[in-house]
PDB file of all heavy atoms in Angstrom:
ATOM      1  N   THR A   1      -8.880  -0.725 -14.519  1.00  0.00           N
ATOM      2  CA  THR A   1      -9.182   0.563 -13.747  1.00  0.00           C
ATOM      3  C   THR A   1      -8.508   0.444 -12.364  1.00  0.00           C
ATOM      4  O   THR A   1      -7.828   1.408 -11.857  1.00  0.00           O
ATOM      5  CB  THR A   1     -10.645   0.722 -13.576  1.00  0.00           C
ATOM      6  OG1 THR A   1     -11.170   0.861 -14.928  1.00  0.00           O
ATOM      7  CG2 THR A   1     -10.958   1.971 -12.794  1.00  0.00           C
ATOM      8  N   VAL A   2      -8.625  -0.660 -11.711  1.00  0.00           N
ATOM      9  CA  VAL A   2      -8.024  -0.848 -10.370  1.00  0.00           C
ATOM     10  C   VAL A   2      -6.537  -0.833 -10.437  1.00  0.00           C
ATOM     11  O   VAL A   2      -5.899  -0.203  -9.582  1.00  0.00           O
ATOM     12  CB  VAL A   2      -8.561  -2.245  -9.751  1.00  0.00           C
ATOM     13  CG1 VAL A   2      -7.724  -2.580  -8.463  1.00  0.00           C
ATOM     14  CG2 VAL A   2     -10.026  -2.205  -9.459  1.00  0.00           C
ATOM     15  N   LEU A   3      -5.938  -1.542 -11.433  1.00  0.00           N
ATOM     16  CA  LEU A   3      -4.495  -1.517 -11.565  1.00  0.00           C
ATOM     17  C   LEU A   3      -3.916  -0.182 -11.871  1.00  0.00           C
ATOM     18  O   LEU A   3      -2.914   0.153 -11.280  1.00  0.00           O
ATOM     19  CB  LEU A   3      -4.076  -2.535 -12.630  1.00  0.00           C
ATOM     20  CG  LEU A   3      -4.433  -4.067 -12.314  1.00  0.00           C
ATOM     21  CD1 LEU A   3      -4.088  -4.880 -13.533  1.00  0.00           C
ATOM     22  CD2 LEU A   3      -3.826  -4.556 -11.047  1.00  0.00           C
ATOM     23  N   ARG A   4      -4.629   0.567 -12.642  1.00  0.00           N
ATOM     24  CA  ARG A   4      -4.097   1.989 -12.922  1.00  0.00           C
ATOM     25  C   ARG A   4      -4.102   2.795 -11.644  1.00  0.00           C
ATOM     26  O   ARG A   4      -3.289   3.629 -11.539  1.00  0.00           O
ATOM     27  CB  ARG A   4      -4.976   2.604 -14.042  1.00  0.00           C
ATOM     28  CG  ARG A   4      -4.715   2.043 -15.426  1.00  0.00           C
ATOM     29  CD  ARG A   4      -5.334   2.855 -16.521  1.00  0.00           C
ATOM     30  NE  ARG A   4      -5.122   2.177 -17.845  1.00  0.00           N
ATOM     31  CZ  ARG A   4      -5.972   1.381 -18.446  1.00  0.00           C
ATOM     32  NH1 ARG A   4      -7.222   1.308 -17.958  1.00  0.00           N
ATOM     33  NH2 ARG A   4      -5.653   0.784 -19.586  1.00  0.00           N
ATOM     34  N   ALA A   5      -5.094   2.568 -10.805  1.00  0.00           N
ATOM     35  CA  ALA A   5      -5.190   3.350  -9.607  1.00  0.00           C
ATOM     36  C   ALA A   5      -4.025   2.945  -8.565  1.00  0.00           C
ATOM     37  O   ALA A   5      -3.729   3.689  -7.634  1.00  0.00           O
ATOM     38  CB  ALA A   5      -6.561   3.122  -8.926  1.00  0.00           C
ATOM     39  N   CYS A   6      -3.344   1.802  -8.793  1.00  0.00           N
ATOM     40  CA  CYS A   6      -2.301   1.330  -7.959  1.00  0.00           C
ATOM     41  C   CYS A   6      -1.091   2.191  -8.098  1.00  0.00           C
ATOM     42  O   CYS A   6      -0.098   2.016  -7.189  1.00  0.00           O
ATOM     43  CB  CYS A   6      -1.960  -0.050  -8.270  1.00  0.00           C
ATOM     44  SG  CYS A   6      -3.300  -1.262  -7.696  1.00  0.00           S
ATOM     45  N   LYS A   7      -0.947   3.053  -9.051  1.00  0.00           N
ATOM     46  CA  LYS A   7       0.230   3.836  -9.347  1.00  0.00           C
ATOM     47  C   LYS A   7       1.454   2.934  -9.543  1.00  0.00           C
ATOM     48  O   LYS A   7       1.525   2.101 -10.407  1.00  0.00           O
ATOM     49  CB  LYS A   7       0.427   4.903  -8.214  1.00  0.00           C
ATOM     50  CG  LYS A   7      -0.734   5.905  -8.034  1.00  0.00           C
ATOM     51  CD  LYS A   7      -0.858   6.832  -9.213  1.00  0.00           C
ATOM     52  CE  LYS A   7      -1.807   7.952  -8.896  1.00  0.00           C
ATOM     53  NZ  LYS A   7      -3.175   7.631  -9.140  1.00  0.00           N
ATOM     54  N   ASP A   8       2.406   3.088  -8.576  1.00  0.00           N
ATOM     55  CA  ASP A   8       3.649   2.177  -8.684  1.00  0.00           C
ATOM     56  C   ASP A   8       3.711   1.107  -7.692  1.00  0.00           C
ATOM     57  O   ASP A   8       4.662   0.461  -7.519  1.00  0.00           O
ATOM     58  CB  ASP A   8       4.857   3.103  -8.593  1.00  0.00           C
ATOM     59  CG  ASP A   8       6.066   2.420  -9.188  1.00  0.00           C
ATOM     60  OD1 ASP A   8       5.929   1.716 -10.199  1.00  0.00           O
ATOM     61  OD2 ASP A   8       7.179   2.563  -8.645  1.00  0.00           O
ATOM     62  N   ASP A   9       2.555   0.883  -6.948  1.00  0.00           N
ATOM     63  CA  ASP A   9       2.606  -0.091  -5.886  1.00  0.00           C
ATOM     64  C   ASP A   9       1.635  -1.253  -6.222  1.00  0.00           C
ATOM     65  O   ASP A   9       0.455  -1.092  -6.117  1.00  0.00           O
ATOM     66  CB  ASP A   9       2.145   0.523  -4.553  1.00  0.00           C
ATOM     67  CG  ASP A   9       2.084  -0.432  -3.375  1.00  0.00           C
ATOM     68  OD1 ASP A   9       2.405  -1.627  -3.553  1.00  0.00           O
ATOM     69  OD2 ASP A   9       1.711   0.015  -2.218  1.00  0.00           O
ATOM     70  N   PHE A  10       2.209  -2.311  -6.775  1.00  0.00           N
ATOM     71  CA  PHE A  10       1.384  -3.468  -7.176  1.00  0.00           C
ATOM     72  C   PHE A  10       1.387  -4.570  -6.191  1.00  0.00           C
ATOM     73  O   PHE A  10       1.248  -5.781  -6.556  1.00  0.00           O
ATOM     74  CB  PHE A  10       1.772  -3.907  -8.617  1.00  0.00           C
ATOM     75  CG  PHE A  10       1.472  -2.937  -9.630  1.00  0.00           C
ATOM     76  CD1 PHE A  10       2.376  -2.024 -10.205  1.00  0.00           C
ATOM     77  CD2 PHE A  10       0.118  -2.815 -10.085  1.00  0.00           C
ATOM     78  CE1 PHE A  10       2.079  -1.111 -11.091  1.00  0.00           C
ATOM     79  CE2 PHE A  10      -0.227  -1.806 -11.026  1.00  0.00           C
ATOM     80  CZ  PHE A  10       0.766  -0.943 -11.572  1.00  0.00           C
ATOM     81  N   SER A  11       1.631  -4.226  -4.965  1.00  0.00           N
ATOM     82  CA  SER A  11       1.572  -5.280  -3.928  1.00  0.00           C
ATOM     83  C   SER A  11       0.130  -5.816  -3.819  1.00  0.00           C
ATOM     84  O   SER A  11      -0.841  -5.016  -4.141  1.00  0.00           O
ATOM     85  CB  SER A  11       2.047  -4.728  -2.555  1.00  0.00           C
ATOM     86  OG  SER A  11       1.085  -3.697  -2.091  1.00  0.00           O
ATOM     87  N   SER A  12      -0.051  -6.992  -3.372  1.00  0.00           N
ATOM     88  CA  SER A  12      -1.436  -7.533  -3.199  1.00  0.00           C
ATOM     89  C   SER A  12      -2.214  -6.644  -2.202  1.00  0.00           C
ATOM     90  O   SER A  12      -3.425  -6.405  -2.429  1.00  0.00           O
ATOM     91  CB  SER A  12      -1.346  -8.938  -2.578  1.00  0.00           C
ATOM     92  OG  SER A  12      -0.818  -9.843  -3.497  1.00  0.00           O
ATOM     93  N   GLU A  13      -1.529  -6.073  -1.214  1.00  0.00           N
ATOM     94  CA  GLU A  13      -2.244  -5.237  -0.216  1.00  0.00           C
ATOM     95  C   GLU A  13      -2.803  -3.953  -0.912  1.00  0.00           C
ATOM     96  O   GLU A  13      -3.977  -3.537  -0.685  1.00  0.00           O
ATOM     97  CB  GLU A  13      -1.291  -4.823   0.864  1.00  0.00           C
ATOM     98  CG  GLU A  13      -1.948  -4.449   2.188  1.00  0.00           C
ATOM     99  CD  GLU A  13      -2.878  -5.581   2.762  1.00  0.00           C
ATOM    100  OE1 GLU A  13      -2.449  -6.784   2.772  1.00  0.00           O
ATOM    101  OE2 GLU A  13      -3.904  -5.189   3.266  1.00  0.00           O
ATOM    102  N   ASN A  14      -2.014  -3.372  -1.752  1.00  0.00           N
ATOM    103  CA  ASN A  14      -2.528  -2.123  -2.467  1.00  0.00           C
ATOM    104  C   ASN A  14      -3.546  -2.401  -3.517  1.00  0.00           C
ATOM    105  O   ASN A  14      -4.457  -1.620  -3.714  1.00  0.00           O
ATOM    106  CB  ASN A  14      -1.337  -1.378  -3.052  1.00  0.00           C
ATOM    107  CG  ASN A  14      -1.761   0.061  -3.396  1.00  0.00           C
ATOM    108  OD1 ASN A  14      -2.515   0.767  -2.726  1.00  0.00           O
ATOM    109  ND2 ASN A  14      -1.341   0.507  -4.584  1.00  0.00           N
ATOM    110  N   ILE A  15      -3.442  -3.589  -4.214  1.00  0.00           N
ATOM    111  CA  ILE A  15      -4.469  -3.901  -5.210  1.00  0.00           C
ATOM    112  C   ILE A  15      -5.766  -4.087  -4.451  1.00  0.00           C
ATOM    113  O   ILE A  15      -6.848  -3.599  -4.920  1.00  0.00           O
ATOM    114  CB  ILE A  15      -4.082  -5.173  -5.881  1.00  0.00           C
ATOM    115  CG1 ILE A  15      -2.799  -4.964  -6.761  1.00  0.00           C
ATOM    116  CG2 ILE A  15      -5.238  -5.710  -6.772  1.00  0.00           C
ATOM    117  CD1 ILE A  15      -2.215  -6.246  -7.445  1.00  0.00           C
ATOM    118  N   LYS A  16      -5.781  -4.778  -3.261  1.00  0.00           N
ATOM    119  CA  LYS A  16      -6.978  -4.896  -2.527  1.00  0.00           C
ATOM    120  C   LYS A  16      -7.569  -3.513  -2.087  1.00  0.00           C
ATOM    121  O   LYS A  16      -8.748  -3.240  -2.251  1.00  0.00           O
ATOM    122  CB  LYS A  16      -6.693  -5.735  -1.261  1.00  0.00           C
ATOM    123  CG  LYS A  16      -7.908  -5.846  -0.297  1.00  0.00           C
ATOM    124  CD  LYS A  16      -7.538  -6.521   0.985  1.00  0.00           C
ATOM    125  CE  LYS A  16      -6.871  -5.555   1.945  1.00  0.00           C
ATOM    126  NZ  LYS A  16      -7.631  -5.209   3.138  1.00  0.00           N
ATOM    127  N   ARG A  17      -6.608  -2.620  -1.641  1.00  0.00           N
ATOM    128  CA  ARG A  17      -7.035  -1.314  -1.156  1.00  0.00           C
ATOM    129  C   ARG A  17      -7.747  -0.544  -2.268  1.00  0.00           C
ATOM    130  O   ARG A  17      -8.752   0.131  -2.108  1.00  0.00           O
ATOM    131  CB  ARG A  17      -5.821  -0.614  -0.640  1.00  0.00           C
ATOM    132  CG  ARG A  17      -6.150   0.709   0.158  1.00  0.00           C
ATOM    133  CD  ARG A  17      -4.969   1.367   0.667  1.00  0.00           C
ATOM    134  NE  ARG A  17      -4.071   0.456   1.492  1.00  0.00           N
ATOM    135  CZ  ARG A  17      -2.877   0.117   1.168  1.00  0.00           C
ATOM    136  NH1 ARG A  17      -2.225   0.610   0.086  1.00  0.00           N
ATOM    137  NH2 ARG A  17      -2.183  -0.655   1.928  1.00  0.00           N
ATOM    138  N   GLN A  18      -7.135  -0.628  -3.471  1.00  0.00           N
ATOM    139  CA  GLN A  18      -7.737   0.224  -4.588  1.00  0.00           C
ATOM    140  C   GLN A  18      -9.039  -0.391  -5.073  1.00  0.00           C
ATOM    141  O   GLN A  18      -9.955   0.403  -5.443  1.00  0.00           O
ATOM    142  CB  GLN A  18      -6.660   0.193  -5.736  1.00  0.00           C
ATOM    143  CG  GLN A  18      -5.357   0.953  -5.414  1.00  0.00           C
ATOM    144  CD  GLN A  18      -5.542   2.264  -4.838  1.00  0.00           C
ATOM    145  OE1 GLN A  18      -6.463   3.060  -5.201  1.00  0.00           O
ATOM    146  NE2 GLN A  18      -4.652   2.630  -3.887  1.00  0.00           N
ATOM    147  N   ALA A  19      -9.166  -1.689  -5.022  1.00  0.00           N
ATOM    148  CA  ALA A  19     -10.403  -2.341  -5.492  1.00  0.00           C
ATOM    149  C   ALA A  19     -11.545  -1.910  -4.500  1.00  0.00           C
ATOM    150  O   ALA A  19     -12.737  -1.908  -4.898  1.00  0.00           O
ATOM    151  CB  ALA A  19     -10.308  -3.816  -5.432  1.00  0.00           C
ATOM    152  N   ALA A  20     -11.206  -1.596  -3.251  1.00  0.00           N
ATOM    153  CA  ALA A  20     -12.179  -1.289  -2.223  1.00  0.00           C
ATOM    154  C   ALA A  20     -12.303   0.234  -2.135  1.00  0.00           C
ATOM    155  O   ALA A  20     -13.002   0.648  -1.154  1.00  0.00           O
ATOM    156  CB  ALA A  20     -11.824  -1.904  -0.876  1.00  0.00           C
ATOM    157  N   SER A  21     -11.823   0.989  -3.072  1.00  0.00           N
ATOM    158  CA  SER A  21     -12.052   2.443  -2.965  1.00  0.00           C
ATOM    159  C   SER A  21     -12.347   3.026  -4.332  1.00  0.00           C
ATOM    160  O   SER A  21     -11.772   4.134  -4.742  1.00  0.00           O
ATOM    161  CB  SER A  21     -10.869   3.130  -2.289  1.00  0.00           C
ATOM    162  OG  SER A  21      -9.596   2.677  -2.888  1.00  0.00           O
ATOM    163  N   LEU A  22     -13.236   2.367  -5.051  1.00  0.00           N
ATOM    164  CA  LEU A  22     -13.659   2.885  -6.330  1.00  0.00           C
ATOM    165  C   LEU A  22     -14.801   3.875  -6.137  1.00  0.00           C
ATOM    166  O   LEU A  22     -15.650   3.648  -5.320  1.00  0.00           O
ATOM    167  CB  LEU A  22     -14.112   1.724  -7.205  1.00  0.00           C
ATOM    168  CG  LEU A  22     -13.056   0.653  -7.528  1.00  0.00           C
ATOM    169  CD1 LEU A  22     -13.694  -0.577  -8.291  1.00  0.00           C
ATOM    170  CD2 LEU A  22     -11.972   1.219  -8.476  1.00  0.00           C
ATOM    171  N   LYS A  23     -14.756   4.873  -6.951  1.00  0.00           N
ATOM    172  CA  LYS A  23     -15.803   5.958  -6.799  1.00  0.00           C
ATOM    173  C   LYS A  23     -16.423   6.349  -8.063  1.00  0.00           C
ATOM    174  O   LYS A  23     -15.692   6.878  -8.993  1.00  0.00           O
ATOM    175  CB  LYS A  23     -15.125   7.206  -6.141  1.00  0.00           C
ATOM    176  CG  LYS A  23     -16.141   8.309  -5.771  1.00  0.00           C
ATOM    177  CD  LYS A  23     -16.684   8.097  -4.390  1.00  0.00           C
ATOM    178  CE  LYS A  23     -17.499   9.351  -3.925  1.00  0.00           C
ATOM    179  NZ  LYS A  23     -18.933   9.314  -4.413  1.00  0.00           N
ATOM    180  N   ASP A  24     -17.643   6.002  -8.288  1.00  0.00           N
ATOM    181  CA  ASP A  24     -18.446   6.429  -9.531  1.00  0.00           C
ATOM    182  C   ASP A  24     -17.614   6.103 -10.749  1.00  0.00           C
ATOM    183  O   ASP A  24     -17.568   6.975 -11.683  1.00  0.00           O
ATOM    184  CB  ASP A  24     -18.774   7.916  -9.436  1.00  0.00           C
ATOM    185  CG  ASP A  24     -19.673   8.253  -8.250  1.00  0.00           C
ATOM    186  OD1 ASP A  24     -20.487   7.408  -7.925  1.00  0.00           O
ATOM    187  OD2 ASP A  24     -19.591   9.326  -7.620  1.00  0.00           O
ATOM    188  N   VAL A  25     -17.145   4.906 -10.822  1.00  0.00           N
ATOM    189  CA  VAL A  25     -16.297   4.480 -12.087  1.00  0.00           C
ATOM    190  C   VAL A  25     -17.301   4.117 -13.187  1.00  0.00           C
ATOM    191  O   VAL A  25     -18.162   3.376 -13.009  1.00  0.00           O
ATOM    192  CB  VAL A  25     -15.434   3.314 -11.731  1.00  0.00           C
ATOM    193  CG1 VAL A  25     -14.819   2.760 -12.997  1.00  0.00           C
ATOM    194  CG2 VAL A  25     -14.340   3.748 -10.715  1.00  0.00           C
ATOM    195  N   GLU A  26     -16.979   4.743 -14.318  1.00  0.00           N
ATOM    196  CA  GLU A  26     -17.786   4.456 -15.557  1.00  0.00           C
ATOM    197  C   GLU A  26     -16.971   3.470 -16.327  1.00  0.00           C
ATOM    198  O   GLU A  26     -15.729   3.557 -16.459  1.00  0.00           O
ATOM    199  CB  GLU A  26     -18.097   5.661 -16.411  1.00  0.00           C
ATOM    200  CG  GLU A  26     -18.988   6.674 -15.587  1.00  0.00           C
ATOM    201  CD  GLU A  26     -19.298   7.933 -16.457  1.00  0.00           C
ATOM    202  OE1 GLU A  26     -18.828   7.971 -17.632  1.00  0.00           O
ATOM    203  OE2 GLU A  26     -19.919   8.865 -15.921  1.00  0.00           O
ATOM    204  N   LEU A  27     -17.596   2.408 -16.929  1.00  0.00           N
ATOM    205  CA  LEU A  27     -16.927   1.505 -17.784  1.00  0.00           C
ATOM    206  C   LEU A  27     -17.555   1.435 -19.123  1.00  0.00           C
ATOM    207  O   LEU A  27     -18.771   1.758 -19.291  1.00  0.00           O
ATOM    208  CB  LEU A  27     -16.999   0.030 -17.151  1.00  0.00           C
ATOM    209  CG  LEU A  27     -16.350  -0.101 -15.748  1.00  0.00           C
ATOM    210  CD1 LEU A  27     -16.672  -1.447 -15.156  1.00  0.00           C
ATOM    211  CD2 LEU A  27     -14.843   0.076 -15.824  1.00  0.00           C
ATOM    212  N   PRO A  28     -16.778   1.048 -20.200  1.00  0.00           N
ATOM    213  CA  PRO A  28     -17.302   1.173 -21.550  1.00  0.00           C
ATOM    214  C   PRO A  28     -18.642   0.474 -21.792  1.00  0.00           C
ATOM    215  O   PRO A  28     -19.439   0.935 -22.618  1.00  0.00           O
ATOM    216  CB  PRO A  28     -16.153   0.609 -22.387  1.00  0.00           C
ATOM    217  CG  PRO A  28     -14.924   0.648 -21.543  1.00  0.00           C
ATOM    218  CD  PRO A  28     -15.361   0.569 -20.149  1.00  0.00           C
ATOM    219  N   LEU A  29     -18.804  -0.743 -21.155  1.00  0.00           N
ATOM    220  CA  LEU A  29     -20.001  -1.427 -21.457  1.00  0.00           C
ATOM    221  C   LEU A  29     -21.095  -1.405 -20.411  1.00  0.00           C
ATOM    222  O   LEU A  29     -22.078  -2.120 -20.423  1.00  0.00           O
ATOM    223  CB  LEU A  29     -19.672  -2.950 -21.756  1.00  0.00           C
ATOM    224  CG  LEU A  29     -18.801  -3.176 -23.006  1.00  0.00           C
ATOM    225  CD1 LEU A  29     -18.634  -4.666 -23.235  1.00  0.00           C
ATOM    226  CD2 LEU A  29     -19.335  -2.471 -24.246  1.00  0.00           C
ATOM    227  N   LEU A  30     -20.896  -0.626 -19.369  1.00  0.00           N
ATOM    228  CA  LEU A  30     -21.925  -0.358 -18.325  1.00  0.00           C
ATOM    229  C   LEU A  30     -23.058   0.489 -18.938  1.00  0.00           C
ATOM    230  O   LEU A  30     -22.795   1.384 -19.679  1.00  0.00           O
ATOM    231  CB  LEU A  30     -21.366   0.293 -17.100  1.00  0.00           C
ATOM    232  CG  LEU A  30     -20.811  -0.487 -16.011  1.00  0.00           C
ATOM    233  CD1 LEU A  30     -20.380   0.348 -14.777  1.00  0.00           C
ATOM    234  CD2 LEU A  30     -21.868  -1.586 -15.516  1.00  0.00           C
ATOM    235  N   LEU A  31     -24.234   0.204 -18.581  1.00  0.00           N
ATOM    236  CA  LEU A  31     -25.402   1.021 -19.042  1.00  0.00           C
ATOM    237  C   LEU A  31     -25.259   2.400 -18.419  1.00  0.00           C
ATOM    238  O   LEU A  31     -24.744   2.666 -17.367  1.00  0.00           O
ATOM    239  CB  LEU A  31     -26.738   0.419 -18.504  1.00  0.00           C
ATOM    240  CG  LEU A  31     -27.147  -0.910 -19.272  1.00  0.00           C
ATOM    241  CD1 LEU A  31     -28.253  -1.543 -18.494  1.00  0.00           C
ATOM    242  CD2 LEU A  31     -27.689  -0.578 -20.675  1.00  0.00           C
ATOM    243  N   PRO A  32     -25.724   3.419 -19.197  1.00  0.00           N
ATOM    244  CA  PRO A  32     -25.686   4.812 -18.794  1.00  0.00           C
ATOM    245  C   PRO A  32     -26.453   4.963 -17.396  1.00  0.00           C
ATOM    246  O   PRO A  32     -27.462   4.330 -17.211  1.00  0.00           O
ATOM    247  CB  PRO A  32     -26.482   5.615 -19.829  1.00  0.00           C
ATOM    248  CG  PRO A  32     -26.370   4.742 -21.053  1.00  0.00           C
ATOM    249  CD  PRO A  32     -26.333   3.358 -20.622  1.00  0.00           C
ATOM    250  N   GLY A  33     -25.857   5.692 -16.507  1.00  0.00           N
ATOM    251  CA  GLY A  33     -26.481   5.865 -15.269  1.00  0.00           C
ATOM    252  C   GLY A  33     -25.991   4.821 -14.131  1.00  0.00           C
ATOM    253  O   GLY A  33     -26.265   4.974 -13.024  1.00  0.00           O
ATOM    254  N   ILE A  34     -25.265   3.812 -14.601  1.00  0.00           N
ATOM    255  CA  ILE A  34     -24.738   2.852 -13.758  1.00  0.00           C
ATOM    256  C   ILE A  34     -23.250   3.001 -13.585  1.00  0.00           C
ATOM    257  O   ILE A  34     -22.528   3.061 -14.567  1.00  0.00           O
ATOM    258  CB  ILE A  34     -25.106   1.467 -14.149  1.00  0.00           C
ATOM    259  CG1 ILE A  34     -26.657   1.244 -14.151  1.00  0.00           C
ATOM    260  CG2 ILE A  34     -24.453   0.373 -13.268  1.00  0.00           C
ATOM    261  CD1 ILE A  34     -27.046  -0.179 -14.592  1.00  0.00           C
ATOM    262  N   THR A  35     -22.804   3.149 -12.355  1.00  0.00           N
ATOM    263  CA  THR A  35     -21.312   3.248 -12.129  1.00  0.00           C
ATOM    264  C   THR A  35     -20.926   2.331 -11.001  1.00  0.00           C
ATOM    265  O   THR A  35     -21.779   1.637 -10.409  1.00  0.00           O
ATOM    266  CB  THR A  35     -20.984   4.722 -11.616  1.00  0.00           C
ATOM    267  OG1 THR A  35     -21.759   4.976 -10.449  1.00  0.00           O
ATOM    268  CG2 THR A  35     -21.271   5.744 -12.733  1.00  0.00           C
ATOM    269  N   VAL A  36     -19.576   2.179 -10.851  1.00  0.00           N
ATOM    270  CA  VAL A  36     -19.045   1.304  -9.836  1.00  0.00           C
ATOM    271  C   VAL A  36     -18.498   2.030  -8.648  1.00  0.00           C
ATOM    272  O   VAL A  36     -17.672   2.884  -8.821  1.00  0.00           O
ATOM    273  CB  VAL A  36     -17.925   0.423 -10.408  1.00  0.00           C
ATOM    274  CG1 VAL A  36     -17.422  -0.520  -9.312  1.00  0.00           C
ATOM    275  CG2 VAL A  36     -18.354  -0.345 -11.653  1.00  0.00           C
ATOM    276  N   THR A  37     -19.012   1.820  -7.447  1.00  0.00           N
ATOM    277  CA  THR A  37     -18.519   2.439  -6.259  1.00  0.00           C
ATOM    278  C   THR A  37     -18.352   1.324  -5.169  1.00  0.00           C
ATOM    279  O   THR A  37     -19.248   0.454  -5.038  1.00  0.00           O
ATOM    280  CB  THR A  37     -19.575   3.485  -5.752  1.00  0.00           C
ATOM    281  OG1 THR A  37     -19.611   4.515  -6.670  1.00  0.00           O
ATOM    282  CG2 THR A  37     -19.069   4.037  -4.407  1.00  0.00           C
ATOM    283  N   THR A  38     -17.176   1.326  -4.587  1.00  0.00           N
ATOM    284  CA  THR A  38     -16.900   0.392  -3.484  1.00  0.00           C
ATOM    285  C   THR A  38     -16.374   1.112  -2.292  1.00  0.00           C
ATOM    286  O   THR A  38     -15.918   2.285  -2.398  1.00  0.00           O
ATOM    287  CB  THR A  38     -15.919  -0.686  -3.894  1.00  0.00           C
ATOM    288  OG1 THR A  38     -14.736  -0.123  -4.281  1.00  0.00           O
ATOM    289  CG2 THR A  38     -16.467  -1.635  -4.957  1.00  0.00           C
ATOM    290  N   GLY A  39     -16.352   0.504  -1.084  1.00  0.00           N
ATOM    291  CA  GLY A  39     -15.735   1.049   0.116  1.00  0.00           C
ATOM    292  C   GLY A  39     -15.236   0.061   0.970  1.00  0.00           C
ATOM    293  O   GLY A  39     -15.603  -1.249   0.779  1.00  0.00           O
ATOM    294  N   PRO A  40     -14.498   0.332   1.994  1.00  0.00           N
ATOM    295  CA  PRO A  40     -13.856  -0.709   2.854  1.00  0.00           C
ATOM    296  C   PRO A  40     -14.928  -1.524   3.570  1.00  0.00           C
ATOM    297  O   PRO A  40     -14.650  -2.653   3.956  1.00  0.00           O
ATOM    298  CB  PRO A  40     -13.047   0.162   3.889  1.00  0.00           C
ATOM    299  CG  PRO A  40     -13.312   1.622   3.560  1.00  0.00           C
ATOM    300  CD  PRO A  40     -14.067   1.693   2.283  1.00  0.00           C
ATOM    301  N   ASP A  41     -16.174  -0.937   3.658  1.00  0.00           N
ATOM    302  CA  ASP A  41     -17.247  -1.709   4.347  1.00  0.00           C
ATOM    303  C   ASP A  41     -18.348  -2.167   3.274  1.00  0.00           C
ATOM    304  O   ASP A  41     -19.355  -2.671   3.631  1.00  0.00           O
ATOM    305  CB  ASP A  41     -17.923  -0.905   5.410  1.00  0.00           C
ATOM    306  CG  ASP A  41     -16.901  -0.525   6.494  1.00  0.00           C
ATOM    307  OD1 ASP A  41     -16.095  -1.373   6.859  1.00  0.00           O
ATOM    308  OD2 ASP A  41     -16.872   0.618   6.942  1.00  0.00           O
ATOM    309  N   ASP A  42     -18.137  -1.848   2.055  1.00  0.00           N
ATOM    310  CA  ASP A  42     -19.036  -2.163   0.994  1.00  0.00           C
ATOM    311  C   ASP A  42     -18.395  -2.725  -0.197  1.00  0.00           C
ATOM    312  O   ASP A  42     -17.784  -2.020  -1.044  1.00  0.00           O
ATOM    313  CB  ASP A  42     -19.828  -0.814   0.600  1.00  0.00           C
ATOM    314  CG  ASP A  42     -20.932  -1.165  -0.513  1.00  0.00           C
ATOM    315  OD1 ASP A  42     -21.072  -2.325  -0.819  1.00  0.00           O
ATOM    316  OD2 ASP A  42     -21.573  -0.199  -0.881  1.00  0.00           O
ATOM    317  N   TYR A  43     -18.468  -4.038  -0.351  1.00  0.00           N
ATOM    318  CA  TYR A  43     -17.719  -4.779  -1.339  1.00  0.00           C
ATOM    319  C   TYR A  43     -18.554  -5.105  -2.566  1.00  0.00           C
ATOM    320  O   TYR A  43     -18.151  -5.935  -3.380  1.00  0.00           O
ATOM    321  CB  TYR A  43     -17.149  -6.034  -0.809  1.00  0.00           C
ATOM    322  CG  TYR A  43     -15.701  -5.927  -0.202  1.00  0.00           C
ATOM    323  CD1 TYR A  43     -15.267  -4.691   0.326  1.00  0.00           C
ATOM    324  CD2 TYR A  43     -14.861  -6.972  -0.090  1.00  0.00           C
ATOM    325  CE1 TYR A  43     -14.012  -4.531   0.819  1.00  0.00           C
ATOM    326  CE2 TYR A  43     -13.574  -6.869   0.525  1.00  0.00           C
ATOM    327  CZ  TYR A  43     -13.208  -5.636   0.988  1.00  0.00           C
ATOM    328  OH  TYR A  43     -11.945  -5.507   1.547  1.00  0.00           O
TER     329      TYR A  43
END
């Protein structure tokens, strides 16, 4: 999910940036009602 969000920039810096800006991400094996959200100040 993080890598797809990187578009065409797979620099370490952009990978870090995308990992720290996930918003309500649903994953196949996460329980219903649980999502992944991160921010620059919330890792």
